[in-house]
Amino acid sequence: MYGDQNFDDFFLKLQNEFSAIKLDFFQSNIEGELIDKIQEVGFIYDGIILNAAAYTHTSVGISDAVKSVKSPVVEVHISNTFAREEFRHKSFLSPNVKGVIQGFGLNSYRLAIKSFL
């Protein structure tokens, strides 16, 4: 479903492709760490690309963090969540983000970067 490309390698490609801007990335499987990071960078970054994975469908805390920051947030999903199980059709994040990009594999991240340019 998600392919076999390593995200670290893909991120290096993005850094090369968008060399005129500073890109940073953070990954955690811990909800509180994601909330802390959003709140840490949400007033200093020009934009946040957020793939909250399964937390998209469950986390009021992450949704509240997104809503509380100044930086615009683009919600990203590698797969098309509407082509998956019914419970994945609901996003707690979507009402609080600039936009949603999904279903284009890792290229969803590239499209999200372009949305800020």
PDB file of N, CA and C in Angstrom:
ATOM      1  N   MET A   1       0.820  -1.188   0.000  1.00  0.00           N
ATOM      2  CA  MET A   1       0.000   0.000   0.000  1.00  0.00           C
ATOM      3  C   MET A   1       0.866   1.256   0.000  1.00  0.00           C
ATOM      4  N   TYR A   2       1.962   1.243   0.735  1.00  0.00           N
ATOM      5  CA  TYR A   2       2.761   2.451   0.888  1.00  0.00           C
ATOM      6  C   TYR A   2       4.036   2.442   0.055  1.00  0.00           C
ATOM      7  N   GLY A   3       4.325   1.361  -0.644  1.00  0.00           N
ATOM      8  CA  GLY A   3       5.532   1.304  -1.456  1.00  0.00           C
ATOM      9  C   GLY A   3       6.739   0.889  -0.639  1.00  0.00           C
ATOM     10  N   ASP A   4       7.876   0.853  -1.318  1.00  0.00           N
ATOM     11  CA  ASP A   4       9.081   0.358  -0.659  1.00  0.00           C
ATOM     12  C   ASP A   4      10.191   1.402  -0.580  1.00  0.00           C
ATOM     13  N   GLN A   5       9.894   2.640  -0.936  1.00  0.00           N
ATOM     14  CA  GLN A   5      10.906   3.683  -0.873  1.00  0.00           C
ATOM     15  C   GLN A   5      11.078   4.179   0.561  1.00  0.00           C
ATOM     16  N   ASN A   6      12.307   4.288   0.980  1.00  0.00           N
ATOM     17  CA  ASN A   6      12.648   4.794   2.301  1.00  0.00           C
ATOM     18  C   ASN A   6      12.369   6.295   2.354  1.00  0.00           C
ATOM     19  N   PHE A   7      11.680   6.761   3.413  1.00  0.00           N
ATOM     20  CA  PHE A   7      11.338   8.185   3.488  1.00  0.00           C
ATOM     21  C   PHE A   7      12.581   9.057   3.616  1.00  0.00           C
ATOM     22  N   ASP A   8      13.603   8.584   4.314  1.00  0.00           N
ATOM     23  CA  ASP A   8      14.835   9.374   4.435  1.00  0.00           C
ATOM     24  C   ASP A   8      15.422   9.668   3.058  1.00  0.00           C
ATOM     25  N   ASP A   9      15.454   8.661   2.188  1.00  0.00           N
ATOM     26  CA  ASP A   9      15.959   8.858   0.823  1.00  0.00           C
ATOM     27  C   ASP A   9      15.060   9.810   0.044  1.00  0.00           C
ATOM     28  N   PHE A  10      13.762   9.646   0.192  1.00  0.00           N
ATOM     29  CA  PHE A  10      12.821  10.528  -0.497  1.00  0.00           C
ATOM     30  C   PHE A  10      12.977  11.963  -0.006  1.00  0.00           C
ATOM     31  N   PHE A  11      13.181  12.145   1.291  1.00  0.00           N
ATOM     32  CA  PHE A  11      13.350  13.486   1.851  1.00  0.00           C
ATOM     33  C   PHE A  11      14.592  14.161   1.273  1.00  0.00           C
ATOM     34  N   LEU A  12      15.662  13.412   1.078  1.00  0.00           N
ATOM     35  CA  LEU A  12      16.862  13.977   0.444  1.00  0.00           C
ATOM     36  C   LEU A  12      16.550  14.469  -0.966  1.00  0.00           C
ATOM     37  N   LYS A  13      15.741  13.718  -1.694  1.00  0.00           N
ATOM     38  CA  LYS A  13      15.325  14.155  -3.034  1.00  0.00           C
ATOM     39  C   LYS A  13      14.530  15.458  -2.955  1.00  0.00           C
ATOM     40  N   LEU A  14      13.635  15.544  -1.980  1.00  0.00           N
ATOM     41  CA  LEU A  14      12.855  16.770  -1.813  1.00  0.00           C
ATOM     42  C   LEU A  14      13.759  17.949  -1.476  1.00  0.00           C
ATOM     43  N   GLN A  15      14.746  17.725  -0.614  1.00  0.00           N
ATOM     44  CA  GLN A  15      15.672  18.806  -0.264  1.00  0.00           C
ATOM     45  C   GLN A  15      16.436  19.289  -1.491  1.00  0.00           C
ATOM     46  N   ASN A  16      16.826  18.369  -2.353  1.00  0.00           N
ATOM     47  CA  ASN A  16      17.526  18.750  -3.587  1.00  0.00           C
ATOM     48  C   ASN A  16      16.595  19.480  -4.541  1.00  0.00           C
ATOM     49  N   GLU A  17      15.379  18.986  -4.677  1.00  0.00           N
ATOM     50  CA  GLU A  17      14.412  19.586  -5.595  1.00  0.00           C
ATOM     51  C   GLU A  17      13.989  20.985  -5.146  1.00  0.00           C
ATOM     52  N   PHE A  18      13.852  21.171  -3.855  1.00  0.00           N
ATOM     53  CA  PHE A  18      13.405  22.454  -3.301  1.00  0.00           C
ATOM     54  C   PHE A  18      14.545  23.101  -2.506  1.00  0.00           C
ATOM     55  N   SER A  19      15.702  23.197  -3.126  1.00  0.00           N
ATOM     56  CA  SER A  19      16.906  23.660  -2.428  1.00  0.00           C
ATOM     57  C   SER A  19      16.829  25.123  -1.997  1.00  0.00           C
ATOM     58  N   ALA A  20      15.921  25.888  -2.565  1.00  0.00           N
ATOM     59  CA  ALA A  20      15.801  27.305  -2.211  1.00  0.00           C
ATOM     60  C   ALA A  20      15.072  27.516  -0.882  1.00  0.00           C
ATOM     61  N   ILE A  21      14.462  26.464  -0.359  1.00  0.00           N
ATOM     62  CA  ILE A  21      13.760  26.592   0.919  1.00  0.00           C
ATOM     63  C   ILE A  21      14.308  25.568   1.913  1.00  0.00           C
ATOM     64  N   LYS A  22      14.182  25.881   3.185  1.00  0.00           N
ATOM     65  CA  LYS A  22      14.649  24.965   4.224  1.00  0.00           C
ATOM     66  C   LYS A  22      13.524  23.991   4.564  1.00  0.00           C
ATOM     67  N   LEU A  23      13.835  22.718   4.435  1.00  0.00           N
ATOM     68  CA  LEU A  23      12.884  21.672   4.800  1.00  0.00           C
ATOM     69  C   LEU A  23      13.398  20.954   6.039  1.00  0.00           C
ATOM     70  N   ASP A  24      12.490  20.586   6.896  1.00  0.00           N
ATOM     71  CA  ASP A  24      12.816  19.865   8.118  1.00  0.00           C
ATOM     72  C   ASP A  24      11.795  18.745   8.247  1.00  0.00           C
ATOM     73  N   PHE A  25      12.187  17.653   8.906  1.00  0.00           N
ATOM     74  CA  PHE A  25      11.170  16.629   9.123  1.00  0.00           C
ATOM     75  C   PHE A  25      11.342  15.985  10.486  1.00  0.00           C
ATOM     76  N   PHE A  26      10.206  15.600  11.026  1.00  0.00           N
ATOM     77  CA  PHE A  26      10.125  14.994  12.347  1.00  0.00           C
ATOM     78  C   PHE A  26       9.142  13.843  12.252  1.00  0.00           C
ATOM     79  N   GLN A  27       9.498  12.706  12.843  1.00  0.00           N
ATOM     80  CA  GLN A  27       8.614  11.550  12.837  1.00  0.00           C
ATOM     81  C   GLN A  27       8.527  11.005  14.244  1.00  0.00           C
ATOM     82  N   SER A  28       7.320  10.688  14.665  1.00  0.00           N
ATOM     83  CA  SER A  28       7.111  10.031  15.948  1.00  0.00           C
ATOM     84  C   SER A  28       5.819   9.234  15.887  1.00  0.00           C
ATOM     85  N   ASN A  29       5.802   8.139  16.596  1.00  0.00           N
ATOM     86  CA  ASN A  29       4.584   7.348  16.749  1.00  0.00           C
ATOM     87  C   ASN A  29       3.868   7.682  18.049  1.00  0.00           C
ATOM     88  N   ILE A  30       4.355   8.710  18.743  1.00  0.00           N
ATOM     89  CA  ILE A  30       3.807   9.080  20.048  1.00  0.00           C
ATOM     90  C   ILE A  30       3.004  10.369  19.909  1.00  0.00           C
ATOM     91  N   GLU A  31       1.726  10.288  20.221  1.00  0.00           N
ATOM     92  CA  GLU A  31       0.806  11.411  20.037  1.00  0.00           C
ATOM     93  C   GLU A  31       1.296  12.684  20.728  1.00  0.00           C
ATOM     94  N   GLY A  32       1.713  12.574  21.965  1.00  0.00           N
ATOM     95  CA  GLY A  32       2.165  13.745  22.710  1.00  0.00           C
ATOM     96  C   GLY A  32       3.382  14.408  22.090  1.00  0.00           C
ATOM     97  N   GLU A  33       4.286  13.611  21.525  1.00  0.00           N
ATOM     98  CA  GLU A  33       5.461  14.181  20.857  1.00  0.00           C
ATOM     99  C   GLU A  33       5.052  14.960  19.611  1.00  0.00           C
ATOM    100  N   LEU A  34       4.058  14.463  18.891  1.00  0.00           N
ATOM    101  CA  LEU A  34       3.565  15.181  17.712  1.00  0.00           C
ATOM    102  C   LEU A  34       2.934  16.511  18.116  1.00  0.00           C
ATOM    103  N   ILE A  35       2.143  16.488  19.174  1.00  0.00           N
ATOM    104  CA  ILE A  35       1.520  17.716  19.680  1.00  0.00           C
ATOM    105  C   ILE A  35       2.601  18.714  20.099  1.00  0.00           C
ATOM    106  N   ASP A  36       3.594  18.234  20.844  1.00  0.00           N
ATOM    107  CA  ASP A  36       4.681  19.118  21.283  1.00  0.00           C
ATOM    108  C   ASP A  36       5.405  19.744  20.098  1.00  0.00           C
ATOM    109  N   LYS A  37       5.672  18.961  19.058  1.00  0.00           N
ATOM    110  CA  LYS A  37       6.396  19.475  17.888  1.00  0.00           C
ATOM    111  C   LYS A  37       5.556  20.507  17.142  1.00  0.00           C
ATOM    112  N   ILE A  38       4.273  20.242  16.972  1.00  0.00           N
ATOM    113  CA  ILE A  38       3.391  21.209  16.302  1.00  0.00           C
ATOM    114  C   ILE A  38       3.403  22.531  17.065  1.00  0.00           C
ATOM    115  N   GLN A  39       3.310  22.450  18.376  1.00  0.00           N
ATOM    116  CA  GLN A  39       3.301  23.671  19.185  1.00  0.00           C
ATOM    117  C   GLN A  39       4.668  24.353  19.201  1.00  0.00           C
ATOM    118  N   GLU A  40       5.733  23.588  19.082  1.00  0.00           N
ATOM    119  CA  GLU A  40       7.089  24.149  19.061  1.00  0.00           C
ATOM    120  C   GLU A  40       7.352  24.948  17.786  1.00  0.00           C
ATOM    121  N   VAL A  41       6.939  24.405  16.644  1.00  0.00           N
ATOM    122  CA  VAL A  41       7.284  25.043  15.359  1.00  0.00           C
ATOM    123  C   VAL A  41       6.137  25.843  14.761  1.00  0.00           C
ATOM    124  N   GLY A  42       4.964  25.722  15.333  1.00  0.00           N
ATOM    125  CA  GLY A  42       3.759  26.295  14.739  1.00  0.00           C
ATOM    126  C   GLY A  42       3.648  27.802  14.741  1.00  0.00           C
ATOM    127  N   PHE A  43       4.620  28.475  15.322  1.00  0.00           N
ATOM    128  CA  PHE A  43       4.625  29.941  15.294  1.00  0.00           C
ATOM    129  C   PHE A  43       5.880  30.486  14.617  1.00  0.00           C
ATOM    130  N   ILE A  44       6.770  29.569  14.176  1.00  0.00           N
ATOM    131  CA  ILE A  44       8.008  30.016  13.531  1.00  0.00           C
ATOM    132  C   ILE A  44       8.184  29.469  12.116  1.00  0.00           C
ATOM    133  N   TYR A  45       7.573  28.350  11.794  1.00  0.00           N
ATOM    134  CA  TYR A  45       7.684  27.799  10.440  1.00  0.00           C
ATOM    135  C   TYR A  45       6.680  28.486   9.525  1.00  0.00           C
ATOM    136  N   ASP A  46       7.037  28.570   8.251  1.00  0.00           N
ATOM    137  CA  ASP A  46       6.129  29.146   7.253  1.00  0.00           C
ATOM    138  C   ASP A  46       4.997  28.194   6.898  1.00  0.00           C
ATOM    139  N   GLY A  47       5.158  26.932   7.211  1.00  0.00           N
ATOM    140  CA  GLY A  47       4.121  25.944   6.954  1.00  0.00           C
ATOM    141  C   GLY A  47       4.500  24.605   7.557  1.00  0.00           C
ATOM    142  N   ILE A  48       3.497  23.801   7.806  1.00  0.00           N
ATOM    143  CA  ILE A  48       3.685  22.460   8.362  1.00  0.00           C
ATOM    144  C   ILE A  48       2.947  21.474   7.467  1.00  0.00           C
ATOM    145  N   ILE A  49       3.645  20.413   7.095  1.00  0.00           N
ATOM    146  CA  ILE A  49       3.022  19.301   6.385  1.00  0.00           C
ATOM    147  C   ILE A  49       2.873  18.185   7.409  1.00  0.00           C
ATOM    148  N   LEU A  50       1.654  17.757   7.630  1.00  0.00           N
ATOM    149  CA  LEU A  50       1.375  16.807   8.708  1.00  0.00           C
ATOM    150  C   LEU A  50       0.713  15.548   8.174  1.00  0.00           C
ATOM    151  N   ASN A  51       1.400  14.424   8.350  1.00  0.00           N
ATOM    152  CA  ASN A  51       0.803  13.118   8.130  1.00  0.00           C
ATOM    153  C   ASN A  51       0.636  12.501   9.515  1.00  0.00           C
ATOM    154  N   ALA A  52      -0.533  12.637  10.067  1.00  0.00           N
ATOM    155  CA  ALA A  52      -0.793  12.133  11.419  1.00  0.00           C
ATOM    156  C   ALA A  52      -1.183  10.662  11.418  1.00  0.00           C
ATOM    157  N   ALA A  53      -1.159  10.037  10.251  1.00  0.00           N
ATOM    158  CA  ALA A  53      -1.474   8.613  10.119  1.00  0.00           C
ATOM    159  C   ALA A  53      -2.796   8.301  10.827  1.00  0.00           C
ATOM    160  N   ALA A  54      -2.840   7.244  11.608  1.00  0.00           N
ATOM    161  CA  ALA A  54      -4.095   6.842  12.255  1.00  0.00           C
ATOM    162  C   ALA A  54      -4.592   7.871  13.264  1.00  0.00           C
ATOM    163  N   TYR A  55      -3.694   8.720  13.775  1.00  0.00           N
ATOM    164  CA  TYR A  55      -4.135   9.776  14.696  1.00  0.00           C
ATOM    165  C   TYR A  55      -5.078  10.765  14.013  1.00  0.00           C
ATOM    166  N   THR A  56      -5.036  10.819  12.699  1.00  0.00           N
ATOM    167  CA  THR A  56      -5.958  11.670  11.940  1.00  0.00           C
ATOM    168  C   THR A  56      -7.399  11.397  12.348  1.00  0.00           C
ATOM    169  N   HIS A  57      -7.701  10.130  12.581  1.00  0.00           N
ATOM    170  CA  HIS A  57      -9.070   9.683  12.808  1.00  0.00           C
ATOM    171  C   HIS A  57      -9.427   9.571  14.288  1.00  0.00           C
ATOM    172  N   THR A  58      -8.454   9.863  15.159  1.00  0.00           N
ATOM    173  CA  THR A  58      -8.696   9.622  16.586  1.00  0.00           C
ATOM    174  C   THR A  58      -8.284  10.757  17.514  1.00  0.00           C
ATOM    175  N   SER A  59      -7.416  11.657  17.066  1.00  0.00           N
ATOM    176  CA  SER A  59      -6.776  12.574  18.013  1.00  0.00           C
ATOM    177  C   SER A  59      -7.372  13.975  18.029  1.00  0.00           C
ATOM    178  N   VAL A  60      -8.138  14.235  19.055  1.00  0.00           N
ATOM    179  CA  VAL A  60      -8.622  15.594  19.296  1.00  0.00           C
ATOM    180  C   VAL A  60      -7.443  16.473  19.708  1.00  0.00           C
ATOM    181  N   GLY A  61      -6.478  15.907  20.424  1.00  0.00           N
ATOM    182  CA  GLY A  61      -5.310  16.663  20.872  1.00  0.00           C
ATOM    183  C   GLY A  61      -4.490  17.213  19.724  1.00  0.00           C
ATOM    184  N   ILE A  62      -4.224  16.394  18.717  1.00  0.00           N
ATOM    185  CA  ILE A  62      -3.470  16.874  17.553  1.00  0.00           C
ATOM    186  C   ILE A  62      -4.294  17.900  16.798  1.00  0.00           C
ATOM    187  N   SER A  63      -5.578  17.662  16.664  1.00  0.00           N
ATOM    188  CA  SER A  63      -6.456  18.630  16.005  1.00  0.00           C
ATOM    189  C   SER A  63      -6.427  19.971  16.728  1.00  0.00           C
ATOM    190  N   ASP A  64      -6.500  19.943  18.046  1.00  0.00           N
ATOM    191  CA  ASP A  64      -6.445  21.178  18.831  1.00  0.00           C
ATOM    192  C   ASP A  64      -5.102  21.883  18.668  1.00  0.00           C
ATOM    193  N   ALA A  65      -4.016  21.116  18.611  1.00  0.00           N
ATOM    194  CA  ALA A  65      -2.691  21.710  18.417  1.00  0.00           C
ATOM    195  C   ALA A  65      -2.611  22.409  17.067  1.00  0.00           C
ATOM    196  N   VAL A  66      -3.118  21.762  16.025  1.00  0.00           N
ATOM    197  CA  VAL A  66      -3.126  22.359  14.686  1.00  0.00           C
ATOM    198  C   VAL A  66      -3.933  23.655  14.697  1.00  0.00           C
ATOM    199  N   LYS A  67      -5.069  23.620  15.354  1.00  0.00           N
ATOM    200  CA  LYS A  67      -5.943  24.797  15.414  1.00  0.00           C
ATOM    201  C   LYS A  67      -5.298  25.950  16.180  1.00  0.00           C
ATOM    202  N   SER A  68      -4.421  25.630  17.114  1.00  0.00           N
ATOM    203  CA  SER A  68      -3.866  26.654  18.004  1.00  0.00           C
ATOM    204  C   SER A  68      -2.656  27.396  17.448  1.00  0.00           C
ATOM    205  N   VAL A  69      -2.083  26.913  16.336  1.00  0.00           N
ATOM    206  CA  VAL A  69      -0.849  27.529  15.840  1.00  0.00           C
ATOM    207  C   VAL A  69      -1.114  28.487  14.690  1.00  0.00           C
ATOM    208  N   LYS A  70      -0.143  29.372  14.453  1.00  0.00           N
ATOM    209  CA  LYS A  70      -0.246  30.370  13.394  1.00  0.00           C
ATOM    210  C   LYS A  70       0.118  29.790  12.025  1.00  0.00           C
ATOM    211  N   SER A  71       1.102  28.903  11.989  1.00  0.00           N
ATOM    212  CA  SER A  71       1.575  28.345  10.721  1.00  0.00           C
ATOM    213  C   SER A  71       0.466  27.567  10.027  1.00  0.00           C
ATOM    214  N   PRO A  72       0.305  27.776   8.717  1.00  0.00           N
ATOM    215  CA  PRO A  72      -0.674  26.960   8.000  1.00  0.00           C
ATOM    216  C   PRO A  72      -0.219  25.501   7.952  1.00  0.00           C
ATOM    217  N   VAL A  73      -1.180  24.603   8.029  1.00  0.00           N
ATOM    218  CA  VAL A  73      -0.897  23.168   8.043  1.00  0.00           C
ATOM    219  C   VAL A  73      -1.591  22.523   6.855  1.00  0.00           C
ATOM    220  N   VAL A  74      -0.851  21.670   6.140  1.00  0.00           N
ATOM    221  CA  VAL A  74      -1.431  20.846   5.086  1.00  0.00           C
ATOM    222  C   VAL A  74      -1.416  19.404   5.584  1.00  0.00           C
ATOM    223  N   GLU A  75      -2.577  18.794   5.571  1.00  0.00           N
ATOM    224  CA  GLU A  75      -2.739  17.389   5.975  1.00  0.00           C
ATOM    225  C   GLU A  75      -2.398  16.512   4.778  1.00  0.00           C
ATOM    226  N   VAL A  76      -1.530  15.531   4.996  1.00  0.00           N
ATOM    227  CA  VAL A  76      -1.071  14.659   3.919  1.00  0.00           C
ATOM    228  C   VAL A  76      -1.307  13.202   4.302  1.00  0.00           C
ATOM    229  N   HIS A  77      -1.733  12.433   3.312  1.00  0.00           N
ATOM    230  CA  HIS A  77      -1.829  10.980   3.461  1.00  0.00           C
ATOM    231  C   HIS A  77      -1.279  10.342   2.194  1.00  0.00           C
ATOM    232  N   ILE A  78      -0.462   9.324   2.368  1.00  0.00           N
ATOM    233  CA  ILE A  78       0.130   8.629   1.228  1.00  0.00           C
ATOM    234  C   ILE A  78      -0.953   7.897   0.443  1.00  0.00           C
ATOM    235  N   SER A  79      -1.874   7.275   1.148  1.00  0.00           N
ATOM    236  CA  SER A  79      -2.972   6.559   0.493  1.00  0.00           C
ATOM    237  C   SER A  79      -4.215   7.446   0.458  1.00  0.00           C
ATOM    238  N   ASN A  80      -5.171   7.063  -0.351  1.00  0.00           N
ATOM    239  CA  ASN A  80      -6.467   7.742  -0.393  1.00  0.00           C
ATOM    240  C   ASN A  80      -7.315   7.157   0.732  1.00  0.00           C
ATOM    241  N   THR A  81      -7.506   7.920   1.783  1.00  0.00           N
ATOM    242  CA  THR A  81      -8.222   7.391   2.949  1.00  0.00           C
ATOM    243  C   THR A  81      -9.667   7.027   2.622  1.00  0.00           C
ATOM    244  N   PHE A  82     -10.233   7.636   1.591  1.00  0.00           N
ATOM    245  CA  PHE A  82     -11.619   7.328   1.218  1.00  0.00           C
ATOM    246  C   PHE A  82     -11.733   6.019   0.443  1.00  0.00           C
ATOM    247  N   ALA A  83     -10.607   5.457   0.034  1.00  0.00           N
ATOM    248  CA  ALA A  83     -10.595   4.159  -0.628  1.00  0.00           C
ATOM    249  C   ALA A  83     -10.303   3.039   0.373  1.00  0.00           C
ATOM    250  N   ARG A  84     -10.276   3.393   1.633  1.00  0.00           N
ATOM    251  CA  ARG A  84      -9.957   2.434   2.688  1.00  0.00           C
ATOM    252  C   ARG A  84     -11.167   2.227   3.598  1.00  0.00           C
ATOM    253  N   GLU A  85     -10.937   1.697   4.769  1.00  0.00           N
ATOM    254  CA  GLU A  85     -12.023   1.373   5.687  1.00  0.00           C
ATOM    255  C   GLU A  85     -12.834   2.617   6.039  1.00  0.00           C
ATOM    256  N   GLU A  86     -14.098   2.411   6.337  1.00  0.00           N
ATOM    257  CA  GLU A  86     -15.029   3.503   6.628  1.00  0.00           C
ATOM    258  C   GLU A  86     -14.527   4.421   7.748  1.00  0.00           C
ATOM    259  N   PHE A  87     -13.932   3.841   8.796  1.00  0.00           N
ATOM    260  CA  PHE A  87     -13.497   4.683   9.924  1.00  0.00           C
ATOM    261  C   PHE A  87     -12.398   5.661   9.526  1.00  0.00           C
ATOM    262  N   ARG A  88     -11.720   5.398   8.406  1.00  0.00           N
ATOM    263  CA  ARG A  88     -10.663   6.305   7.945  1.00  0.00           C
ATOM    264  C   ARG A  88     -11.214   7.485   7.141  1.00  0.00           C
ATOM    265  N   HIS A  89     -12.501   7.510   6.914  1.00  0.00           N
ATOM    266  CA  HIS A  89     -13.106   8.594   6.133  1.00  0.00           C
ATOM    267  C   HIS A  89     -13.295   9.856   6.962  1.00  0.00           C
ATOM    268  N   LYS A  90     -13.178   9.769   8.274  1.00  0.00           N
ATOM    269  CA  LYS A  90     -13.354  10.915   9.167  1.00  0.00           C
ATOM    270  C   LYS A  90     -11.985  11.424   9.607  1.00  0.00           C
ATOM    271  N   SER A  91     -11.754  12.719   9.417  1.00  0.00           N
ATOM    272  CA  SER A  91     -10.521  13.352   9.878  1.00  0.00           C
ATOM    273  C   SER A  91     -10.849  14.423  10.910  1.00  0.00           C
ATOM    274  N   PHE A  92     -10.228  14.307  12.071  1.00  0.00           N
ATOM    275  CA  PHE A  92     -10.354  15.361  13.074  1.00  0.00           C
ATOM    276  C   PHE A  92      -9.533  16.588  12.684  1.00  0.00           C
ATOM    277  N   LEU A  93      -8.550  16.397  11.798  1.00  0.00           N
ATOM    278  CA  LEU A  93      -7.647  17.484  11.418  1.00  0.00           C
ATOM    279  C   LEU A  93      -8.220  18.389  10.341  1.00  0.00           C
ATOM    280  N   SER A  94      -8.911  17.810   9.378  1.00  0.00           N
ATOM    281  CA  SER A  94      -9.321  18.535   8.170  1.00  0.00           C
ATOM    282  C   SER A  94     -10.007  19.874   8.419  1.00  0.00           C
ATOM    283  N   PRO A  95     -10.878  20.008   9.419  1.00  0.00           N
ATOM    284  CA  PRO A  95     -11.513  21.315   9.629  1.00  0.00           C
ATOM    285  C   PRO A  95     -10.534  22.421  10.033  1.00  0.00           C
ATOM    286  N   ASN A  96      -9.329  22.039  10.453  1.00  0.00           N
ATOM    287  CA  ASN A  96      -8.377  23.017  10.980  1.00  0.00           C
ATOM    288  C   ASN A  96      -7.147  23.229  10.104  1.00  0.00           C
ATOM    289  N   VAL A  97      -7.120  22.640   8.914  1.00  0.00           N
ATOM    290  CA  VAL A  97      -5.941  22.755   8.057  1.00  0.00           C
ATOM    291  C   VAL A  97      -6.232  23.600   6.824  1.00  0.00           C
ATOM    292  N   LYS A  98      -5.149  24.042   6.185  1.00  0.00           N
ATOM    293  CA  LYS A  98      -5.249  24.817   4.946  1.00  0.00           C
ATOM    294  C   LYS A  98      -5.817  23.955   3.824  1.00  0.00           C
ATOM    295  N   GLY A  99      -5.399  22.693   3.781  1.00  0.00           N
ATOM    296  CA  GLY A  99      -5.847  21.788   2.733  1.00  0.00           C
ATOM    297  C   GLY A  99      -5.428  20.363   3.031  1.00  0.00           C
ATOM    298  N   VAL A 100      -5.932  19.446   2.210  1.00  0.00           N
ATOM    299  CA  VAL A 100      -5.645  18.023   2.360  1.00  0.00           C
ATOM    300  C   VAL A 100      -5.169  17.488   1.021  1.00  0.00           C
ATOM    301  N   ILE A 101      -4.063  16.756   1.043  1.00  0.00           N
ATOM    302  CA  ILE A 101      -3.541  16.098  -0.158  1.00  0.00           C
ATOM    303  C   ILE A 101      -3.366  14.630   0.194  1.00  0.00           C
ATOM    304  N   GLN A 102      -3.968  13.763  -0.611  1.00  0.00           N
ATOM    305  CA  GLN A 102      -3.876  12.340  -0.301  1.00  0.00           C
ATOM    306  C   GLN A 102      -3.976  11.489  -1.550  1.00  0.00           C
ATOM    307  N   GLY A 103      -3.421  10.288  -1.441  1.00  0.00           N
ATOM    308  CA  GLY A 103      -3.582   9.305  -2.488  1.00  0.00           C
ATOM    309  C   GLY A 103      -2.524   9.317  -3.571  1.00  0.00           C
ATOM    310  N   PHE A 104      -1.504  10.142  -3.446  1.00  0.00           N
ATOM    311  CA  PHE A 104      -0.473  10.239  -4.478  1.00  0.00           C
ATOM    312  C   PHE A 104       0.850   9.639  -4.017  1.00  0.00           C
ATOM    313  N   GLY A 105       0.781   8.718  -3.074  1.00  0.00           N
ATOM    314  CA  GLY A 105       1.996   8.110  -2.555  1.00  0.00           C
ATOM    315  C   GLY A 105       2.872   9.163  -1.902  1.00  0.00           C
ATOM    316  N   LEU A 106       4.174   8.941  -1.928  1.00  0.00           N
ATOM    317  CA  LEU A 106       5.084   9.914  -1.337  1.00  0.00           C
ATOM    318  C   LEU A 106       5.037  11.254  -2.062  1.00  0.00           C
ATOM    319  N   ASN A 107       4.590  11.252  -3.305  1.00  0.00           N
ATOM    320  CA  ASN A 107       4.458  12.519  -4.035  1.00  0.00           C
ATOM    321  C   ASN A 107       3.448  13.458  -3.382  1.00  0.00           C
ATOM    322  N   SER A 108       2.626  12.944  -2.485  1.00  0.00           N
ATOM    323  CA  SER A 108       1.719  13.812  -1.725  1.00  0.00           C
ATOM    324  C   SER A 108       2.514  14.870  -0.967  1.00  0.00           C
ATOM    325  N   TYR A 109       3.699  14.498  -0.483  1.00  0.00           N
ATOM    326  CA  TYR A 109       4.552  15.466   0.219  1.00  0.00           C
ATOM    327  C   TYR A 109       5.054  16.544  -0.741  1.00  0.00           C
ATOM    328  N   ARG A 110       5.447  16.146  -1.935  1.00  0.00           N
ATOM    329  CA  ARG A 110       5.910  17.104  -2.947  1.00  0.00           C
ATOM    330  C   ARG A 110       4.796  18.103  -3.275  1.00  0.00           C
ATOM    331  N   LEU A 111       3.597  17.602  -3.461  1.00  0.00           N
ATOM    332  CA  LEU A 111       2.458  18.477  -3.757  1.00  0.00           C
ATOM    333  C   LEU A 111       2.178  19.416  -2.592  1.00  0.00           C
ATOM    334  N   ALA A 112       2.338  18.926  -1.383  1.00  0.00           N
ATOM    335  CA  ALA A 112       2.120  19.776  -0.206  1.00  0.00           C
ATOM    336  C   ALA A 112       3.145  20.907  -0.155  1.00  0.00           C
ATOM    337  N   ILE A 113       4.395  20.594  -0.444  1.00  0.00           N
ATOM    338  CA  ILE A 113       5.421  21.648  -0.481  1.00  0.00           C
ATOM    339  C   ILE A 113       5.046  22.690  -1.519  1.00  0.00           C
ATOM    340  N   LYS A 114       4.649  22.233  -2.697  1.00  0.00           N
ATOM    341  CA  LYS A 114       4.282  23.169  -3.771  1.00  0.00           C
ATOM    342  C   LYS A 114       3.099  24.045  -3.374  1.00  0.00           C
ATOM    343  N   SER A 115       2.239  23.544  -2.515  1.00  0.00           N
ATOM    344  CA  SER A 115       1.077  24.340  -2.101  1.00  0.00           C
ATOM    345  C   SER A 115       1.479  25.559  -1.274  1.00  0.00           C
ATOM    346  N   PHE A 116       2.674  25.528  -0.711  1.00  0.00           N
ATOM    347  CA  PHE A 116       3.160  26.663   0.078  1.00  0.00           C
ATOM    348  C   PHE A 116       3.930  27.680  -0.762  1.00  0.00           C
ATOM    349  N   LEU A 117       4.276  27.320  -1.979  1.00  0.00           N
ATOM    350  CA  LEU A 117       5.100  28.209  -2.823  1.00  0.00           C
ATOM    351  C   LEU A 117       4.264  29.228  -3.564  1.00  0.00           C
TER     352      LEU A 117
END
